Amino acid sequence: MTQEQLKNKLVLEHFRVEQEKKLTNMKLSFFTNLSHELRTPLTLILGPMESLLAAANRFASQKENIQLMHKQTHKLLDLVNQLLDFRKVEAGQVPLRAAPRDVIGFLTEIFLLFKLKARERSLTYTFAGPTEAVELYFDAGKLEIVLTNLLANAFKYTPEGGEIGLVVTAIGQPGSPAVFTNSKLSGNYLEIKVLDRGTGISPEEVAHVFDAYYQASQTNSLRIMGTGIGLSLVKQFVERHAGEITVASQLNQGTTFTMRLPFGREHLMANDLAPAGLASTPAPHILAAAPVAVAEAEEAAGDYETEEAFSGGRLLIVEDNDDLRQYLVQLFSSDSEATVAADGVEGWALVQSLLLDLVLSDIMMPRSDGLELCQKIKQAPKTLHIPVVLLTARTAAVHEVEGLETGADDYVSKPFNPKVLHAKVVAILRNRSRLREFYQRQLLLEPTEIIIPEADKLFLEKAMKVVEDNLTEPEFNVQGLVREMGMSQSLFYRRVKSITGQSVVEFIRDIRLKRAAQLLTSTSLRVSDVAYQVGMQDLKHFRTVFQNLHKMSPSEYARQHRSGESVAAPTASI
């Protein structure tokens, strides 16, 4: 081949590469513009959906559908934002807002948010790292996206019963500037490893995992869908911090992503640093009022007699930050009684000893975190009816972890708007209060116009009717009621406890007493005969529990409610 031919071939190759680059840029521009257009309607959809989610207890039959719609809309918005972020990174336009923060606490909280998911899939899920705080300059939003992507990938490719680990190591001195040798980190840096014992990646594909739009071949065999943008964005965000990320993998053995982030701030430009106010408050908790969000939250809190202030709730606030704990007490002091705990261990002790209406807890705490506390509350028969609201600063991780809503009743992002938080808590408390008032009035035969969710009303009426149809059977018990309702015992117990605040045994007993009150009012039966009619053969026990519910003895109740009839006294043998 002559020199002229080689020259022409190079020119042609250069032209082809330029044309492909131009076509790629045109495609990216199209999708970027389309993403901008999609983000506006998605944001407008999410606003009303947040309100629906906050009021989901009023639509109990549709609660799961509302949660599903909210989660998937958020995922779609996250994908759109990810594409926009990727485009900005490629163009070198992504600003960095790095500030000094405790990176160990930050990483621990994200790790904890995936803990329940690991438990659901029987995964061995571990965290290893320094026990003391380690200061690092980083952009919290971007590092959260990085770690969430890496952990999400580990969960995707690890089968049930497998292992996933997060290992954090401080190399050198955290307080000293990072050392670079030949543009590579060689000293004073933080090393973060995300490792799994999953499907692994073939040697041919390892070199391409950070390429834009690249997806490993096993995503097809595992029927896992993705955009191919996530890991490319991860690499760009890590390098934007002057860091490094590598991957090592073996098929059917697992994969390890190793990330290194430099200590100090010498590697950062002046405009890469967050404003002084933000840097001095690395974890702000309170967000300035946003009128639209407040209005939506207040509407979601309930449209029942909104002019009346809600009162009567007893809250437990579990928060290790003294200032924030005191602020939350003040926030709810006007309409609720607040008790406080500094961590999950103290919180659990108080949950067991107090009669609580709601628990508001931070996730990231020493000794025992908020997720562990929530799980204990939801698994113990005596406390599973108590609503739990969790505070977290790691919203991206919350949206990534599917099924998380099955633990807590709601999540509130930090920094939070105090009016939105207050409205959400009031919405939950008001709904629980109205359910119990409706139930009590049904028991006491009092007329009621209380509006409660239709699904809860139908459930309650069906359960009460099943008990009433079996009143004359002294042996009718919890198992019989659960069988007639066609539900698992644990699910039925949770539902009854959440609506009435009672165990199923207490629920059956009080319905027997409701029927007893009806018989004492509308018939001339003796007290002993009424007790037998409602399946209660121990007359002494019947009198005691009747008085506890109706605040008077059966004989006194009959005298007050029968018209002109005397009440037959029981025989001495009874």
Protein backbone atom coordinates (compact mmCIF):
# COMPACT_ATOMS: atom_id res chain seq x y z
CA MET A 1 0.00 0.00 0.00
CA THR A 2 1.45 3.34 -1.08
CA GLN A 3 1.95 6.32 1.21
CA GLU A 4 -0.82 8.18 -0.61
CA GLN A 5 -3.24 5.32 -0.02
CA LEU A 6 -2.37 5.19 3.68
CA LYS A 7 -2.90 8.93 3.93
CA ASN A 8 -6.30 8.67 2.25
CA LYS A 9 -7.27 5.79 4.53
CA LEU A 10 -6.36 7.83 7.63
CA VAL A 11 -8.33 10.81 6.34
CA LEU A 12 -11.30 8.57 5.65
CA GLU A 13 -11.06 6.97 9.10
CA HIS A 14 -10.80 10.39 10.73
CA PHE A 15 -13.84 11.55 8.76
CA ARG A 16 -15.80 8.44 9.82
CA VAL A 17 -14.91 8.97 13.50
CA GLU A 18 -15.92 12.63 13.31
CA GLN A 19 -19.21 11.72 11.66
CA GLU A 20 -19.95 9.10 14.33
CA LYS A 21 -19.08 11.60 17.05
CA LYS A 22 -21.32 14.19 15.42
CA LEU A 23 -24.17 11.67 15.14
CA THR A 24 -23.69 10.61 18.77
CA ASN A 25 -23.79 14.24 19.89
CA MET A 26 -26.95 14.81 17.87
CA LYS A 27 -28.56 11.78 19.52
CA LEU A 28 -27.46 12.94 22.97
CA SER A 29 -28.76 16.44 22.29
CA PHE A 30 -32.10 14.97 21.22
CA PHE A 31 -32.41 12.82 24.35
CA THR A 32 -31.20 15.66 26.55
CA ASN A 33 -33.83 18.02 25.17
CA LEU A 34 -36.45 15.31 25.47
CA SER A 35 -35.37 14.67 29.07
CA HIS A 36 -35.78 18.35 29.90
CA GLU A 37 -39.31 18.21 28.48
CA LEU A 38 -40.10 15.04 30.45
CA ARG A 39 -38.83 16.41 33.75
CA THR A 40 -41.48 19.14 33.98
CA PRO A 41 -44.57 16.88 33.68
CA LEU A 42 -42.93 14.28 35.93
CA THR A 43 -42.36 16.92 38.60
CA LEU A 44 -45.97 18.05 38.27
CA ILE A 45 -47.15 14.45 38.63
CA LEU A 46 -44.97 13.88 41.70
CA GLY A 47 -46.38 16.91 43.55
CA PRO A 48 -50.00 15.69 43.79
CA MET A 49 -48.73 12.13 44.23
CA GLU A 50 -46.78 13.18 47.33
CA SER A 51 -50.05 14.51 48.73
CA LEU A 52 -51.84 11.25 47.88
CA LEU A 53 -49.05 9.27 49.52
CA ALA A 54 -49.23 11.37 52.68
CA ALA A 55 -52.98 10.70 52.81
CA ALA A 56 -52.74 7.05 51.72
CA ASN A 57 -54.33 5.86 54.97
CA ARG A 58 -57.58 7.46 53.82
CA PHE A 59 -57.53 5.18 50.76
CA ALA A 60 -56.47 1.96 52.44
CA SER A 61 -57.60 -0.28 49.58
CA GLN A 62 -55.42 1.71 47.14
CA LYS A 63 -52.45 2.38 49.43
CA GLU A 64 -50.16 -0.16 47.74
CA ASN A 65 -51.09 1.15 44.28
CA ILE A 66 -50.35 4.73 45.34
CA GLN A 67 -46.98 3.67 46.76
CA LEU A 68 -46.18 1.76 43.56
CA MET A 69 -47.07 4.73 41.34
CA HIS A 70 -45.03 7.09 43.51
CA LYS A 71 -41.99 4.81 43.49
CA GLN A 72 -42.03 4.22 39.74
CA THR A 73 -42.59 7.91 38.94
CA HIS A 74 -39.63 8.77 41.14
CA LYS A 75 -37.51 6.14 39.39
CA LEU A 76 -38.47 7.60 36.01
CA LEU A 77 -37.53 11.08 37.22
CA ASP A 78 -34.24 9.71 38.58
CA LEU A 79 -33.45 8.17 35.19
CA VAL A 80 -34.20 11.47 33.44
CA ASN A 81 -32.00 13.36 35.91
CA GLN A 82 -29.27 10.76 35.50
CA LEU A 83 -29.27 11.27 31.73
CA LEU A 84 -29.06 15.04 32.21
CA ASP A 85 -26.24 14.65 34.73
CA PHE A 86 -24.39 12.36 32.34
CA ARG A 87 -24.68 14.90 29.53
CA LYS A 88 -23.40 17.68 31.80
CA VAL A 89 -20.46 15.55 32.93
CA GLU A 90 -19.51 14.77 29.34
CA ALA A 91 -19.56 18.48 28.57
CA GLY A 92 -17.49 19.22 31.69
CA GLN A 93 -20.28 21.34 33.16
CA VAL A 94 -21.04 19.56 36.44
CA PRO A 95 -20.33 21.81 39.43
CA LEU A 96 -18.88 20.27 42.56
CA ARG A 97 -20.14 21.40 45.98
CA ALA A 98 -17.59 19.74 48.23
CA ALA A 99 -17.65 20.36 51.96
CA PRO A 100 -15.90 18.71 54.93
CA ARG A 101 -18.13 16.01 56.41
CA ASP A 102 -17.87 12.83 58.44
CA VAL A 103 -17.74 10.32 55.60
CA ILE A 104 -18.09 7.27 57.89
CA GLY A 105 -21.48 8.40 59.20
CA PHE A 106 -22.53 9.27 55.66
CA LEU A 107 -21.59 5.84 54.26
CA THR A 108 -23.09 4.01 57.23
CA GLU A 109 -26.50 5.57 56.71
CA ILE A 110 -26.60 4.57 53.04
CA PHE A 111 -25.47 1.06 54.03
CA LEU A 112 -28.30 0.80 56.57
CA LEU A 113 -30.95 1.75 54.03
CA PHE A 114 -30.18 -1.43 52.07
CA LYS A 115 -30.18 -3.59 55.19
CA LEU A 116 -33.85 -4.57 55.08
CA LYS A 117 -33.56 -5.48 51.40
CA ALA A 118 -30.63 -7.77 52.24
CA ARG A 119 -32.66 -9.40 55.00
CA GLU A 120 -35.60 -9.99 52.65
CA ARG A 121 -33.30 -11.88 50.25
CA SER A 122 -31.34 -13.74 52.96
CA LEU A 123 -28.07 -12.04 51.99
CA THR A 124 -25.03 -11.78 54.23
CA TYR A 125 -24.64 -7.99 54.25
CA THR A 126 -21.70 -6.49 56.15
CA PHE A 127 -20.03 -3.15 56.80
CA ALA A 128 -16.39 -2.82 57.89
CA GLY A 129 -14.73 0.52 58.54
CA PRO A 130 -13.28 2.92 61.12
CA THR A 131 -15.31 3.39 64.28
CA GLU A 132 -14.28 7.03 64.62
CA ALA A 133 -15.39 9.93 62.41
CA VAL A 134 -13.23 10.56 59.33
CA GLU A 135 -13.36 13.98 57.67
CA LEU A 136 -13.41 14.13 53.87
CA TYR A 137 -14.18 16.89 51.39
CA PHE A 138 -16.94 15.58 49.11
CA ASP A 139 -20.19 16.51 47.38
CA ALA A 140 -22.83 14.59 49.36
CA GLY A 141 -25.35 14.43 46.53
CA LYS A 142 -22.89 12.99 44.04
CA LEU A 143 -21.25 10.53 46.42
CA GLU A 144 -24.71 9.27 47.41
CA ILE A 145 -25.48 8.58 43.73
CA VAL A 146 -22.12 6.80 43.36
CA LEU A 147 -22.59 4.50 46.35
CA THR A 148 -26.28 3.86 45.64
CA ASN A 149 -25.44 2.80 42.08
CA LEU A 150 -22.67 0.47 43.23
CA LEU A 151 -24.80 -1.15 45.94
CA ALA A 152 -27.81 -1.42 43.62
CA ASN A 153 -25.64 -3.25 41.06
CA ALA A 154 -24.36 -5.60 43.76
CA PHE A 155 -27.94 -6.45 44.76
CA LYS A 156 -28.96 -6.97 41.11
CA TYR A 157 -26.26 -9.53 40.40
CA THR A 158 -26.17 -11.38 43.73
CA PRO A 159 -28.58 -14.33 44.12
CA GLU A 160 -30.49 -15.08 47.32
CA GLY A 161 -28.26 -16.35 50.09
CA GLY A 162 -25.20 -14.60 48.64
CA GLU A 163 -22.85 -12.02 50.17
CA ILE A 164 -22.46 -8.26 49.77
CA GLY A 165 -19.99 -6.11 51.69
CA LEU A 166 -18.99 -2.49 52.09
CA VAL A 167 -15.40 -2.05 53.29
CA VAL A 168 -13.99 1.38 54.14
CA THR A 169 -10.29 1.99 54.92
CA ALA A 170 -8.43 5.23 55.69
CA ILE A 171 -5.01 5.05 54.00
CA GLY A 172 -2.46 7.40 55.57
CA GLN A 173 -3.48 10.50 57.55
CA PRO A 174 -7.03 11.86 57.06
CA GLY A 175 -5.93 15.31 58.24
CA SER A 176 -3.14 15.60 55.68
CA PRO A 177 -3.31 16.49 51.96
CA ALA A 178 -3.52 13.58 49.52
CA VAL A 179 -0.30 12.42 47.83
CA PHE A 180 -0.31 11.89 44.06
CA THR A 181 2.42 10.03 42.15
CA ASN A 182 2.22 10.18 38.36
CA SER A 183 -1.33 11.54 38.70
CA LYS A 184 -2.34 8.50 40.78
CA LEU A 185 -3.25 8.49 44.47
CA SER A 186 -0.41 7.03 46.51
CA GLY A 187 -1.07 8.27 50.04
CA ASN A 188 -3.61 9.95 52.36
CA TYR A 189 -6.86 8.81 50.80
CA LEU A 190 -10.07 6.95 51.64
CA GLU A 191 -10.60 3.56 50.02
CA ILE A 192 -14.17 2.30 49.62
CA LYS A 193 -14.85 -1.23 48.37
CA VAL A 194 -18.24 -2.59 47.33
CA LEU A 195 -17.92 -6.34 46.89
CA ASP A 196 -20.32 -9.15 46.14
CA ARG A 197 -20.28 -12.90 45.61
CA GLY A 198 -22.61 -12.74 42.63
CA THR A 199 -22.57 -13.67 38.96
CA GLY A 200 -19.35 -11.78 38.15
CA ILE A 201 -18.24 -10.26 34.84
CA SER A 202 -16.21 -11.96 32.08
CA PRO A 203 -12.60 -10.73 31.52
CA GLU A 204 -13.52 -9.40 28.07
CA GLU A 205 -16.25 -7.19 29.52
CA VAL A 206 -14.51 -5.87 32.65
CA ALA A 207 -12.66 -3.21 30.64
CA HIS A 208 -15.95 -1.82 29.31
CA VAL A 209 -18.17 -1.61 32.43
CA PHE A 210 -17.59 2.13 32.80
CA ASP A 211 -18.29 2.85 29.11
CA ALA A 212 -21.42 4.87 28.38
CA TYR A 213 -24.46 2.75 27.40
CA TYR A 214 -22.54 -0.50 27.90
CA GLN A 215 -24.36 -3.41 29.55
CA ALA A 216 -22.71 -6.70 30.45
CA SER A 217 -24.04 -9.76 28.65
CA GLN A 218 -25.42 -11.37 31.81
CA THR A 219 -28.01 -8.58 32.10
CA ASN A 220 -29.88 -10.33 29.29
CA SER A 221 -29.57 -13.82 30.73
CA LEU A 222 -30.73 -12.55 34.11
CA ARG A 223 -33.51 -10.47 32.54
CA ILE A 224 -32.19 -7.33 34.22
CA MET A 225 -32.89 -4.09 32.43
CA GLY A 226 -30.80 -0.93 32.69
CA THR A 227 -29.73 2.18 30.83
CA GLY A 228 -25.98 1.59 30.77
CA ILE A 229 -25.51 5.12 32.13
CA GLY A 230 -25.16 4.38 35.87
CA LEU A 231 -21.57 3.14 36.07
CA SER A 232 -20.36 5.66 33.51
CA LEU A 233 -21.84 8.40 35.70
CA VAL A 234 -20.24 6.81 38.78
CA LYS A 235 -16.79 7.00 37.18
CA GLN A 236 -17.31 10.61 36.12
CA PHE A 237 -18.45 11.68 39.60
CA VAL A 238 -15.52 9.90 41.29
CA GLU A 239 -13.02 11.51 38.91
CA ARG A 240 -14.68 14.88 39.47
CA HIS A 241 -13.52 14.49 43.10
CA ALA A 242 -9.96 13.79 41.79
CA GLY A 243 -10.55 10.18 42.79
CA GLU A 244 -10.16 6.80 41.11
CA ILE A 245 -12.41 3.78 40.65
CA THR A 246 -11.48 0.30 39.41
CA VAL A 247 -13.25 -3.04 39.09
CA ALA A 248 -12.06 -6.62 39.55
CA SER A 249 -14.31 -9.56 38.73
CA GLN A 250 -14.48 -13.28 38.00
CA LEU A 251 -17.40 -15.12 36.45
CA ASN A 252 -19.51 -16.94 39.05
CA GLN A 253 -17.19 -15.67 41.80
CA GLY A 254 -18.22 -12.05 42.27
CA THR A 255 -17.19 -8.46 41.68
CA THR A 256 -15.32 -5.81 43.66
CA PHE A 257 -15.50 -2.08 42.89
CA THR A 258 -12.68 -0.12 44.55
CA MET A 259 -13.02 3.64 44.90
CA ARG A 260 -10.31 6.00 46.22
CA LEU A 261 -11.04 9.58 47.30
CA PRO A 262 -8.29 12.02 48.36
CA PHE A 263 -8.07 13.62 51.79
CA GLY A 264 -7.54 17.35 52.19
CA ARG A 265 -8.71 20.12 49.88
CA GLU A 266 -5.58 20.98 47.87
CA HIS A 267 -6.83 18.97 44.89
CA LEU A 268 -10.02 21.09 44.69
CA MET A 269 -10.48 24.36 42.83
CA ALA A 270 -11.94 27.32 44.72
CA ASN A 271 -15.26 27.03 42.87
CA ASP A 272 -15.47 23.30 43.74
CA LEU A 273 -16.02 24.15 47.41
CA ALA A 274 -19.50 24.61 48.84
CA PRO A 275 -20.39 28.08 50.13
CA ALA A 276 -19.06 28.82 53.60
CA GLY A 277 -22.51 28.61 55.20
CA LEU A 278 -23.09 25.10 53.88
CA ALA A 279 -19.60 23.96 54.74
CA SER A 280 -19.98 25.09 58.34
CA THR A 281 -23.23 23.14 58.69
CA PRO A 282 -22.51 19.85 56.97
CA ALA A 283 -25.82 18.25 57.93
CA PRO A 284 -28.54 20.92 58.08
CA HIS A 285 -31.83 19.52 59.35
CA ILE A 286 -34.33 22.32 58.82
CA LEU A 287 -35.51 23.51 55.44
CA ALA A 288 -37.05 26.93 54.84
CA ALA A 289 -40.79 26.90 54.32
CA ALA A 290 -41.98 26.18 50.78
CA PRO A 291 -45.58 27.48 50.43
CA VAL A 292 -46.72 24.95 47.80
CA ALA A 293 -45.31 21.94 49.67
CA VAL A 294 -46.79 23.19 52.94
CA ALA A 295 -50.22 23.71 51.39
CA GLU A 296 -50.19 20.21 49.89
CA ALA A 297 -49.04 18.63 53.13
CA GLU A 298 -51.64 20.46 55.19
CA GLU A 299 -54.36 19.37 52.77
CA ALA A 300 -53.07 15.80 52.99
CA ALA A 301 -53.15 16.03 56.77
CA GLY A 302 -56.91 15.84 56.51
CA ASP A 303 -59.90 17.75 55.28
CA TYR A 304 -61.96 16.78 58.30
CA GLU A 305 -62.99 19.86 60.27
CA THR A 306 -59.69 21.54 59.54
CA GLU A 307 -60.62 24.46 61.70
CA GLU A 308 -60.28 22.25 64.79
CA ALA A 309 -56.79 21.78 66.16
CA PHE A 310 -55.72 18.18 66.55
CA SER A 311 -54.58 17.14 70.00
CA GLY A 312 -54.07 14.11 72.13
CA GLY A 313 -51.23 12.27 70.44
CA ARG A 314 -48.37 10.80 72.42
CA LEU A 315 -45.12 10.79 70.44
CA LEU A 316 -41.74 9.23 71.00
CA ILE A 317 -38.93 11.20 69.34
CA VAL A 318 -35.75 9.17 68.86
CA GLU A 319 -32.80 11.33 67.77
CA ASP A 320 -29.16 11.40 68.86
CA ASN A 321 -28.56 15.07 67.94
CA ASP A 322 -29.42 17.13 71.04
CA ASP A 323 -30.36 20.30 69.15
CA LEU A 324 -32.56 18.53 66.62
CA ARG A 325 -34.21 16.44 69.34
CA GLN A 326 -35.11 19.59 71.28
CA TYR A 327 -36.36 21.29 68.11
CA LEU A 328 -38.68 18.35 67.31
CA VAL A 329 -40.08 18.44 70.85
CA GLN A 330 -40.89 22.13 70.40
CA LEU A 331 -42.40 21.48 66.97
CA PHE A 332 -44.99 19.06 68.38
CA SER A 333 -45.39 20.50 71.90
CA SER A 334 -48.52 22.52 71.06
CA ASP A 335 -50.70 19.56 70.13
CA SER A 336 -48.94 16.40 71.34
CA GLU A 337 -47.13 14.97 74.34
CA ALA A 338 -43.56 14.17 73.34
CA THR A 339 -41.14 11.77 75.03
CA VAL A 340 -37.52 11.58 73.86
CA ALA A 341 -34.77 8.99 73.46
CA ALA A 342 -31.17 9.42 72.28
CA ASP A 343 -30.87 6.16 70.30
CA GLY A 344 -32.67 2.97 69.30
CA VAL A 345 -31.83 1.13 72.53
CA GLU A 346 -33.44 3.82 74.71
CA GLY A 347 -36.26 4.14 72.20
CA TRP A 348 -37.15 0.45 72.27
CA ALA A 349 -37.24 0.43 76.08
CA LEU A 350 -39.68 3.37 76.04
CA VAL A 351 -41.82 1.83 73.29
CA GLN A 352 -42.38 -1.21 75.50
CA SER A 353 -43.19 0.77 78.63
CA LEU A 354 -45.33 3.64 77.28
CA LEU A 355 -48.68 3.80 75.50
CA LEU A 356 -47.57 5.57 72.30
CA ASP A 357 -49.47 6.86 69.29
CA LEU A 358 -46.46 7.36 66.99
CA VAL A 359 -42.66 7.01 66.86
CA LEU A 360 -40.58 9.59 64.99
CA SER A 361 -37.00 8.39 64.61
CA ASP A 362 -33.78 9.30 62.86
CA ILE A 363 -32.15 6.43 60.95
CA MET A 364 -28.48 7.11 61.67
CA MET A 365 -27.87 6.70 65.44
CA PRO A 366 -25.31 5.01 67.72
CA ARG A 367 -25.85 1.63 69.40
CA SER A 368 -29.09 0.84 67.54
CA ASP A 369 -30.27 2.61 64.37
CA GLY A 370 -33.76 3.68 63.36
CA LEU A 371 -34.31 0.77 60.95
CA GLU A 372 -33.59 -1.77 63.68
CA LEU A 373 -35.95 0.07 66.03
CA CYS A 374 -38.66 0.12 63.33
CA GLN A 375 -38.26 -3.60 62.71
CA LYS A 376 -38.56 -4.42 66.42
CA ILE A 377 -41.71 -2.31 66.69
CA LYS A 378 -43.33 -3.92 63.64
CA GLN A 379 -42.48 -7.48 64.71
CA ALA A 380 -43.62 -7.33 68.36
CA PRO A 381 -47.36 -8.17 68.76
CA LYS A 382 -47.83 -5.52 71.46
CA THR A 383 -46.31 -2.67 69.43
CA LEU A 384 -46.81 -3.48 65.73
CA HIS A 385 -49.82 -1.13 65.53
CA ILE A 386 -47.69 1.94 66.37
CA PRO A 387 -46.96 4.08 63.28
CA VAL A 388 -43.26 4.80 62.61
CA VAL A 389 -41.95 7.80 60.66
CA LEU A 390 -38.23 7.80 59.80
CA LEU A 391 -36.00 10.80 59.10
CA THR A 392 -33.21 10.33 56.56
CA ALA A 393 -30.84 12.49 54.54
CA ARG A 394 -30.25 9.73 51.99
CA THR A 395 -33.27 10.12 49.71
CA ALA A 396 -31.62 8.62 46.61
CA ALA A 397 -30.92 5.39 48.48
CA VAL A 398 -34.48 5.28 49.85
CA HIS A 399 -35.90 5.48 46.33
CA GLU A 400 -33.52 2.77 45.11
CA VAL A 401 -34.45 0.18 47.74
CA GLU A 402 -37.69 -1.52 46.77
CA GLY A 403 -40.08 -2.69 49.47
CA LEU A 404 -38.70 -0.33 52.10
CA GLU A 405 -42.14 1.12 52.78
CA THR A 406 -43.22 -2.20 54.27
CA GLY A 407 -41.26 -1.27 57.40
CA ALA A 408 -41.88 2.37 58.21
CA ASP A 409 -45.24 4.08 57.69
CA ASP A 410 -43.54 7.08 56.11
CA TYR A 411 -40.16 8.66 55.38
CA VAL A 412 -39.24 12.34 55.64
CA SER A 413 -36.13 13.69 53.95
CA LYS A 414 -33.58 15.84 55.77
CA PRO A 415 -33.34 18.76 55.60
CA PHE A 416 -37.08 18.79 56.22
CA ASN A 417 -39.72 21.46 56.08
CA PRO A 418 -41.09 21.60 59.66
CA LYS A 419 -44.65 22.35 58.51
CA VAL A 420 -44.61 19.40 56.11
CA LEU A 421 -43.28 17.07 58.82
CA HIS A 422 -45.88 18.30 61.30
CA ALA A 423 -48.69 17.89 58.77
CA LYS A 424 -47.62 14.32 57.93
CA VAL A 425 -47.51 13.28 61.58
CA VAL A 426 -50.89 14.89 62.27
CA ALA A 427 -52.39 13.11 59.23
CA ILE A 428 -51.35 9.72 60.62
CA LEU A 429 -52.46 10.49 64.19
CA ARG A 430 -55.80 11.95 63.11
CA ASN A 431 -56.60 8.94 60.95
CA ARG A 432 -55.78 6.49 63.78
CA SER A 433 -57.80 8.55 66.24
CA ARG A 434 -60.89 8.58 64.02
CA LEU A 435 -60.68 4.84 63.37
CA ARG A 436 -60.64 4.11 67.09
CA GLU A 437 -63.43 6.59 67.83
CA PHE A 438 -65.56 4.96 65.13
CA TYR A 439 -64.89 1.52 66.62
CA GLN A 440 -65.66 2.63 70.18
CA ARG A 441 -68.95 4.21 69.13
CA GLN A 442 -69.88 1.02 67.31
CA LEU A 443 -69.21 -0.91 70.53
CA LEU A 444 -71.15 1.51 72.72
CA LEU A 445 -74.07 1.63 70.25
CA GLU A 446 -73.73 5.38 69.79
CA PRO A 447 -74.69 7.04 66.47
CA THR A 448 -71.71 8.33 64.51
CA GLU A 449 -71.05 10.40 61.42
CA ILE A 450 -67.28 9.91 61.61
CA ILE A 451 -65.72 9.51 58.18
CA ILE A 452 -63.13 6.75 57.97
CA PRO A 453 -61.54 4.94 54.99
CA GLU A 454 -64.12 2.68 53.35
CA ALA A 455 -61.78 -0.33 53.30
CA ASP A 456 -61.20 -0.06 57.07
CA LYS A 457 -64.91 0.36 57.69
CA LEU A 458 -65.82 -2.73 55.64
CA PHE A 459 -63.08 -4.77 57.30
CA LEU A 460 -64.23 -3.74 60.78
CA GLU A 461 -67.91 -4.40 60.06
CA LYS A 462 -67.16 -7.83 58.58
CA ALA A 463 -64.99 -8.88 61.54
CA MET A 464 -67.61 -7.68 64.05
CA LYS A 465 -70.37 -9.57 62.20
CA VAL A 466 -68.38 -12.82 62.21
CA VAL A 467 -67.98 -12.55 66.00
CA GLU A 468 -71.66 -11.65 66.48
CA ASP A 469 -72.73 -14.69 64.42
CA ASN A 470 -70.77 -16.93 66.84
CA LEU A 471 -71.58 -15.22 70.13
CA THR A 472 -73.39 -18.16 71.70
CA GLU A 473 -70.34 -20.38 71.20
CA PRO A 474 -68.09 -20.13 74.30
CA GLU A 475 -65.32 -21.93 72.39
CA PHE A 476 -65.25 -19.40 69.53
CA ASN A 477 -61.73 -17.94 69.56
CA VAL A 478 -59.03 -16.15 67.58
CA GLN A 479 -58.38 -19.10 65.27
CA GLY A 480 -62.06 -19.34 64.37
CA LEU A 481 -62.28 -15.63 63.56
CA VAL A 482 -59.10 -15.68 61.47
CA ARG A 483 -60.39 -18.69 59.53
CA GLU A 484 -63.71 -16.97 58.78
CA MET A 485 -61.91 -13.80 57.64
CA GLY A 486 -59.69 -15.75 55.23
CA MET A 487 -56.48 -14.02 56.35
CA SER A 488 -53.23 -15.09 57.96
CA GLN A 489 -53.23 -14.71 61.72
CA SER A 490 -50.29 -12.27 61.73
CA LEU A 491 -51.86 -10.03 59.05
CA PHE A 492 -55.27 -10.07 60.76
CA TYR A 493 -53.68 -9.28 64.12
CA ARG A 494 -51.82 -6.27 62.62
CA ARG A 495 -54.98 -4.95 60.96
CA VAL A 496 -57.11 -5.24 64.10
CA LYS A 497 -54.36 -3.75 66.27
CA SER A 498 -53.84 -0.77 63.95
CA ILE A 499 -57.58 0.06 63.82
CA THR A 500 -58.67 -0.66 67.40
CA GLY A 501 -55.46 -0.65 69.43
CA GLN A 502 -56.56 -4.04 70.82
CA SER A 503 -55.44 -7.61 70.51
CA VAL A 504 -57.80 -10.01 68.71
CA VAL A 505 -58.75 -11.58 72.06
CA GLU A 506 -59.79 -8.15 73.39
CA PHE A 507 -61.63 -7.43 70.12
CA ILE A 508 -63.77 -10.59 70.47
CA ARG A 509 -64.41 -9.90 74.16
CA ASP A 510 -65.62 -6.35 73.58
CA ILE A 511 -68.02 -7.42 70.82
CA ARG A 512 -69.50 -9.98 73.21
CA LEU A 513 -69.96 -7.14 75.70
CA LYS A 514 -71.60 -4.96 73.03
CA ARG A 515 -74.21 -7.67 72.43
CA ALA A 516 -74.64 -8.07 76.17
CA ALA A 517 -75.47 -4.36 76.46
CA GLN A 518 -78.06 -4.75 73.70
CA LEU A 519 -79.70 -7.69 75.49
CA LEU A 520 -79.72 -5.88 78.84
CA THR A 521 -81.48 -2.93 77.17
CA SER A 522 -84.00 -4.68 74.94
CA THR A 523 -84.95 -7.84 76.91
CA SER A 524 -85.91 -8.81 80.46
CA LEU A 525 -83.23 -11.49 80.70
CA ARG A 526 -81.34 -11.93 83.96
CA VAL A 527 -77.72 -10.82 84.04
CA SER A 528 -76.56 -14.45 84.26
CA ASP A 529 -78.67 -15.41 81.23
CA VAL A 530 -77.25 -12.49 79.24
CA ALA A 531 -73.72 -13.65 80.07
CA TYR A 532 -74.50 -17.14 78.77
CA GLN A 533 -76.16 -15.71 75.65
CA VAL A 534 -72.92 -13.97 74.68
CA GLY A 535 -70.73 -17.00 75.34
CA MET A 536 -69.27 -15.88 78.69
CA GLN A 537 -69.79 -18.62 81.29
CA ASP A 538 -67.81 -17.04 84.14
CA LEU A 539 -70.30 -14.53 85.60
CA LYS A 540 -67.75 -12.84 87.87
CA HIS A 541 -65.42 -12.24 84.93
CA PHE A 542 -68.37 -11.01 82.84
CA ARG A 543 -69.30 -8.40 85.46
CA THR A 544 -65.70 -7.19 85.75
CA VAL A 545 -65.04 -6.73 82.03
CA PHE A 546 -68.52 -5.24 81.43
CA GLN A 547 -67.91 -2.60 84.07
CA ASN A 548 -64.48 -1.81 82.62
CA LEU A 549 -66.02 -1.13 79.20
CA HIS A 550 -69.32 0.54 80.13
CA LYS A 551 -68.21 2.17 83.42
CA MET A 552 -71.08 0.55 85.35
CA SER A 553 -72.21 -2.92 86.42
CA PRO A 554 -74.55 -4.96 84.18
CA SER A 555 -77.41 -4.52 86.66
CA GLU A 556 -76.95 -0.75 86.81
CA TYR A 557 -76.71 -0.58 83.00
CA ALA A 558 -80.02 -2.47 82.68
CA ARG A 559 -81.76 -0.24 85.25
CA GLN A 560 -80.70 2.89 83.40
CA HIS A 561 -81.59 1.69 79.90
CA ARG A 562 -84.72 -0.46 80.36
CA SER A 563 -88.02 1.39 80.33
CA GLY A 564 -90.04 0.64 83.47
CA GLU A 565 -88.81 -2.90 84.03
CA SER A 566 -87.03 -4.30 87.04
CA VAL A 567 -83.93 -6.31 86.61
CA ALA A 568 -84.06 -9.89 87.78
CA ALA A 569 -81.34 -10.54 90.34
CA PRO A 570 -79.10 -13.53 89.84
CA THR A 571 -79.52 -16.50 92.15
CA ALA A 572 -77.15 -16.97 95.01
CA SER A 573 -75.59 -19.97 93.37
CA ILE A 574 -74.34 -17.89 90.47
